């Protein structure tokens, strides 16, 4: 059974030893989470890694300061999670990592060190395991972003080209650009085996008037 190291001190006060143990635990767990995230993610920012490493400690301190008020603890934990979501949009793995950091900080703030460690190890092991399983996007999956002039019908402008080079394509997003004079189309496509990608891009360039085209491996990351 998991027990809190705080005991009655959670309502009567906090001694230096318990505060130090919880703070060090938050730092160590944050580092473990950050390392796991880096090992299981191809593209990440340094700022997010630093945030992920420090966030459990900050949430722990915030929860300790509310002096055992569980309702207020959850409110503060929610505020910490919103800090990330009200900034630049994150992908699904960033949301998972941020939520885990908040949960771990909440557990540590309540004094449940062994529970926080157990949850961290379990989730990190799951992240490593799922990252090794060949699921999700395949080698032939691509993200494609194409700019076309406004006089072209974006719904079917590339239909015959896609039929020639891909076996699956999906228009995910349409955005106007250049003061509304152009459309920016974002696709998810699956290339046919052994196709010439350069010829595919050349055909697209002929159709869109040699405007910008970006193609990358399919992932959670948004095309820039």
Protein backbone atom coordinates (compact mmCIF):
# COMPACT_ATOMS: atom_id res chain seq x y z
CA UNK A 1 0.00 0.00 0.00
CA UNK A 2 1.29 3.43 -0.93
CA UNK A 3 1.63 5.82 2.01
CA UNK A 4 2.42 9.51 2.21
CA UNK A 5 5.65 10.54 3.93
CA UNK A 6 3.96 13.72 5.10
CA UNK A 7 1.48 12.12 7.49
CA UNK A 8 -0.07 14.74 9.72
CA UNK A 9 2.55 17.27 8.67
CA UNK A 10 0.52 17.93 5.52
CA UNK A 11 -1.93 19.93 7.64
CA UNK A 12 0.26 21.08 10.57
CA UNK A 13 3.41 22.08 8.75
CA UNK A 14 6.28 20.84 6.62
CA UNK A 15 9.72 20.00 7.97
CA UNK A 16 12.94 20.56 6.05
CA UNK A 17 13.71 16.86 5.57
CA UNK A 18 10.39 16.02 3.92
CA UNK A 19 10.55 19.15 1.78
CA UNK A 20 14.07 18.26 0.63
CA UNK A 21 13.18 14.64 -0.15
CA UNK A 22 10.14 15.69 -2.19
CA UNK A 23 12.09 18.39 -4.04
CA UNK A 24 14.93 16.01 -4.95
CA UNK A 25 12.38 13.37 -6.00
CA UNK A 26 10.70 15.90 -8.28
CA UNK A 27 14.03 16.81 -9.87
CA UNK A 28 15.08 13.18 -10.42
CA UNK A 29 11.71 12.13 -11.80
CA UNK A 30 11.67 15.18 -14.10
CA UNK A 31 15.08 14.22 -15.48
CA UNK A 32 13.93 10.63 -16.04
CA UNK A 33 10.86 11.84 -17.91
CA UNK A 34 12.90 14.26 -20.02
CA UNK A 35 15.46 11.60 -20.98
CA UNK A 36 12.72 9.11 -21.84
CA UNK A 37 10.97 11.69 -24.00
CA UNK A 38 14.20 12.47 -25.87
CA UNK A 39 14.92 8.77 -26.46
CA UNK A 40 11.44 8.07 -27.82
CA UNK A 41 10.94 11.21 -29.92
CA UNK A 42 12.75 12.12 -33.12
CA UNK A 43 11.93 15.83 -33.10
CA UNK A 44 11.78 17.89 -29.93
CA UNK A 45 12.70 21.35 -28.70
CA UNK A 46 15.24 22.10 -26.00
CA UNK A 47 12.78 24.42 -24.28
CA UNK A 48 10.18 21.68 -23.94
CA UNK A 49 12.74 19.22 -22.52
CA UNK A 50 13.80 21.77 -19.90
CA UNK A 51 10.15 22.46 -19.06
CA UNK A 52 9.42 18.75 -18.73
CA UNK A 53 12.38 18.27 -16.39
CA UNK A 54 11.42 21.16 -14.09
CA UNK A 55 7.61 20.95 -14.16
CA UNK A 56 7.24 18.08 -11.59
CA UNK A 57 9.28 20.07 -9.06
CA UNK A 58 7.25 23.23 -9.58
CA UNK A 59 3.92 21.41 -9.28
CA UNK A 60 5.20 19.65 -6.14
CA UNK A 61 6.12 22.96 -4.50
CA UNK A 62 2.79 24.51 -5.50
CA UNK A 63 0.81 21.59 -4.05
CA UNK A 64 2.83 21.72 -0.81
CA UNK A 65 2.02 25.39 -0.44
CA UNK A 66 -1.75 24.79 -0.38
CA UNK A 67 -1.24 22.94 2.90
CA UNK A 68 -3.21 19.76 2.24
CA UNK A 69 -6.28 21.30 0.56
CA UNK A 70 -7.05 18.62 -2.04
CA UNK A 71 -9.57 20.68 -3.99
CA UNK A 72 -7.17 23.60 -4.32
CA UNK A 73 -4.41 21.15 -5.24
CA UNK A 74 -6.35 19.93 -8.27
CA UNK A 75 -7.13 23.52 -9.25
CA UNK A 76 -3.45 24.46 -9.21
CA UNK A 77 -2.52 21.29 -11.12
CA UNK A 78 -5.05 22.28 -13.77
CA UNK A 79 -3.54 25.75 -14.02
CA UNK A 80 -0.11 24.26 -14.63
CA UNK A 81 -1.46 22.07 -17.44
CA UNK A 82 -3.16 25.07 -19.07
CA UNK A 83 0.14 26.97 -19.19
CA UNK A 84 1.32 24.60 -21.90
CA UNK A 85 -1.95 24.38 -23.81
CA UNK A 86 -2.40 28.17 -24.00
CA UNK A 87 1.03 28.58 -25.60
CA UNK A 88 2.01 27.09 -28.97
CA UNK A 89 0.00 23.97 -29.90
CA UNK A 90 1.65 20.70 -28.93
CA UNK A 91 1.44 17.28 -30.50
CA UNK A 92 -0.14 14.31 -28.75
CA UNK A 93 3.10 13.12 -27.17
CA UNK A 94 3.86 16.57 -25.72
CA UNK A 95 0.37 16.69 -24.22
CA UNK A 96 0.91 13.25 -22.69
CA UNK A 97 4.30 14.23 -21.24
CA UNK A 98 2.96 17.49 -19.82
CA UNK A 99 -0.01 15.77 -18.22
CA UNK A 100 2.29 13.11 -16.73
CA UNK A 101 4.52 15.82 -15.23
CA UNK A 102 1.50 17.47 -13.62
CA UNK A 103 0.19 14.15 -12.24
CA UNK A 104 3.60 13.26 -10.81
CA UNK A 105 3.93 16.70 -9.23
CA UNK A 106 0.48 16.31 -7.67
CA UNK A 107 1.42 12.89 -6.24
CA UNK A 108 4.71 14.21 -4.85
CA UNK A 109 2.99 17.25 -3.39
CA UNK A 110 0.75 14.89 -1.45
CA UNK A 111 3.83 12.98 -0.23
CA UNK A 112 3.34 9.77 -2.24
CA UNK A 113 6.92 9.32 -3.44
CA UNK A 114 6.80 5.57 -4.10
CA UNK A 115 3.55 5.96 -6.02
CA UNK A 116 5.01 8.79 -8.13
CA UNK A 117 8.11 6.70 -8.90
CA UNK A 118 6.00 3.66 -9.80
CA UNK A 119 3.78 5.65 -12.16
CA UNK A 120 6.77 7.36 -13.78
CA UNK A 121 8.58 4.08 -14.43
CA UNK A 122 5.43 2.41 -15.73
CA UNK A 123 4.60 5.22 -18.16
CA UNK A 124 8.22 5.60 -19.32
CA UNK A 125 8.46 1.86 -19.98
CA UNK A 126 5.20 2.01 -21.93
CA UNK A 127 6.51 4.93 -23.99
CA UNK A 128 9.66 2.97 -24.84
CA UNK A 129 7.70 -0.19 -25.63
CA UNK A 130 5.11 1.54 -27.83
CA UNK A 131 7.86 3.46 -29.61
CA UNK A 132 9.47 0.14 -30.61
CA UNK A 133 6.23 -1.36 -31.93
CA UNK A 134 5.90 -0.82 -35.72
CA UNK A 135 2.53 0.92 -35.63
CA UNK A 136 1.33 4.23 -37.01
CA UNK A 137 2.88 5.84 -40.06
CA UNK A 138 4.79 3.67 -42.54
CA UNK A 139 7.89 4.50 -44.55
CA UNK A 140 5.74 5.43 -47.56
CA UNK A 141 3.57 7.90 -45.61
CA UNK A 142 4.23 11.58 -46.23
CA UNK A 143 3.04 15.01 -45.19
CA UNK A 144 2.59 17.24 -48.22
CA UNK A 145 2.00 20.99 -48.32
CA UNK A 146 1.30 22.64 -51.69
CA UNK A 147 0.58 26.26 -52.58
CA UNK A 148 -1.75 26.87 -55.55
CA UNK A 149 -3.17 30.04 -57.15
CA UNK A 150 -6.74 30.96 -56.27
CA UNK A 151 -8.05 30.22 -59.79
CA UNK A 152 -7.46 26.45 -59.34
CA UNK A 153 -10.09 24.23 -57.70
CA UNK A 154 -8.26 22.79 -54.68
CA UNK A 155 -10.75 19.89 -54.36
CA UNK A 156 -9.60 18.05 -57.49
CA UNK A 157 -6.57 19.92 -58.80
CA UNK A 158 -4.15 17.02 -58.16
CA UNK A 159 -6.50 14.03 -58.51
CA UNK A 160 -4.83 12.39 -61.54
CA UNK A 161 -1.35 12.97 -60.11
CA UNK A 162 -2.32 11.40 -56.79
CA UNK A 163 -3.89 8.43 -58.60
CA UNK A 164 -0.63 7.88 -60.46
CA UNK A 165 1.78 8.14 -57.54
CA UNK A 166 -0.20 7.39 -54.36
CA UNK A 167 -2.61 4.75 -53.14
CA UNK A 168 -4.09 6.98 -50.42
CA UNK A 169 -4.39 10.72 -50.01
CA UNK A 170 -6.35 12.98 -47.69
CA UNK A 171 -6.74 16.75 -47.74
CA UNK A 172 -6.38 17.76 -44.07
CA UNK A 173 -6.28 21.55 -44.15
CA UNK A 174 -6.87 24.46 -46.51
CA UNK A 175 -5.54 27.93 -45.71
CA UNK A 176 -5.53 31.15 -47.71
CA UNK A 177 -2.23 32.97 -48.02
CA UNK A 178 -0.64 35.95 -49.76
CA UNK A 179 -3.60 38.24 -48.99
CA UNK A 180 -6.06 35.59 -50.20
CA UNK A 181 -4.46 35.27 -53.64
CA UNK A 182 -3.32 31.68 -53.01
CA UNK A 183 -4.40 28.52 -51.23
CA UNK A 184 -2.10 26.46 -49.00
CA UNK A 185 -3.16 22.79 -49.06
CA UNK A 186 -1.98 20.25 -46.48
CA UNK A 187 -2.27 16.55 -47.36
CA UNK A 188 -1.47 13.20 -45.79
CA UNK A 189 -0.46 10.79 -48.56
CA UNK A 190 0.82 7.23 -48.88
CA UNK A 191 3.22 6.79 -51.79
CA UNK A 192 3.06 3.74 -54.01
CA UNK A 193 6.06 1.42 -53.83
CA UNK A 194 9.04 2.18 -56.06
CA UNK A 195 7.69 5.48 -57.38
CA UNK A 196 10.01 8.30 -58.39
CA UNK A 197 9.42 11.01 -55.78
CA UNK A 198 11.27 13.61 -57.84
CA UNK A 199 8.96 12.94 -60.80
CA UNK A 200 6.00 13.22 -58.44
CA UNK A 201 7.18 16.62 -57.20
CA UNK A 202 7.94 17.74 -60.76
CA UNK A 203 4.37 16.92 -61.83
CA UNK A 204 3.04 18.84 -58.85
CA UNK A 205 5.21 21.84 -59.73
CA UNK A 206 3.91 21.87 -63.30
CA UNK A 207 0.34 21.83 -62.01
CA UNK A 208 0.73 24.54 -59.33
CA UNK A 209 2.84 26.89 -61.43
CA UNK A 210 6.13 26.17 -59.66
CA UNK A 211 4.90 27.57 -56.33
CA UNK A 212 6.07 26.28 -52.95
CA UNK A 213 5.87 22.55 -52.21
CA UNK A 214 6.98 20.89 -48.97
CA UNK A 215 7.02 17.12 -48.44
CA UNK A 216 8.26 15.31 -45.32
CA UNK A 217 7.98 12.03 -43.50
CA UNK A 218 4.60 11.60 -41.80
CA UNK A 219 4.66 12.27 -38.03
CA UNK A 220 2.87 14.11 -35.27
CA UNK A 221 4.89 17.20 -36.07
CA UNK A 222 3.24 20.04 -37.96
CA UNK A 223 4.86 21.01 -41.24
CA UNK A 224 6.52 24.41 -40.90
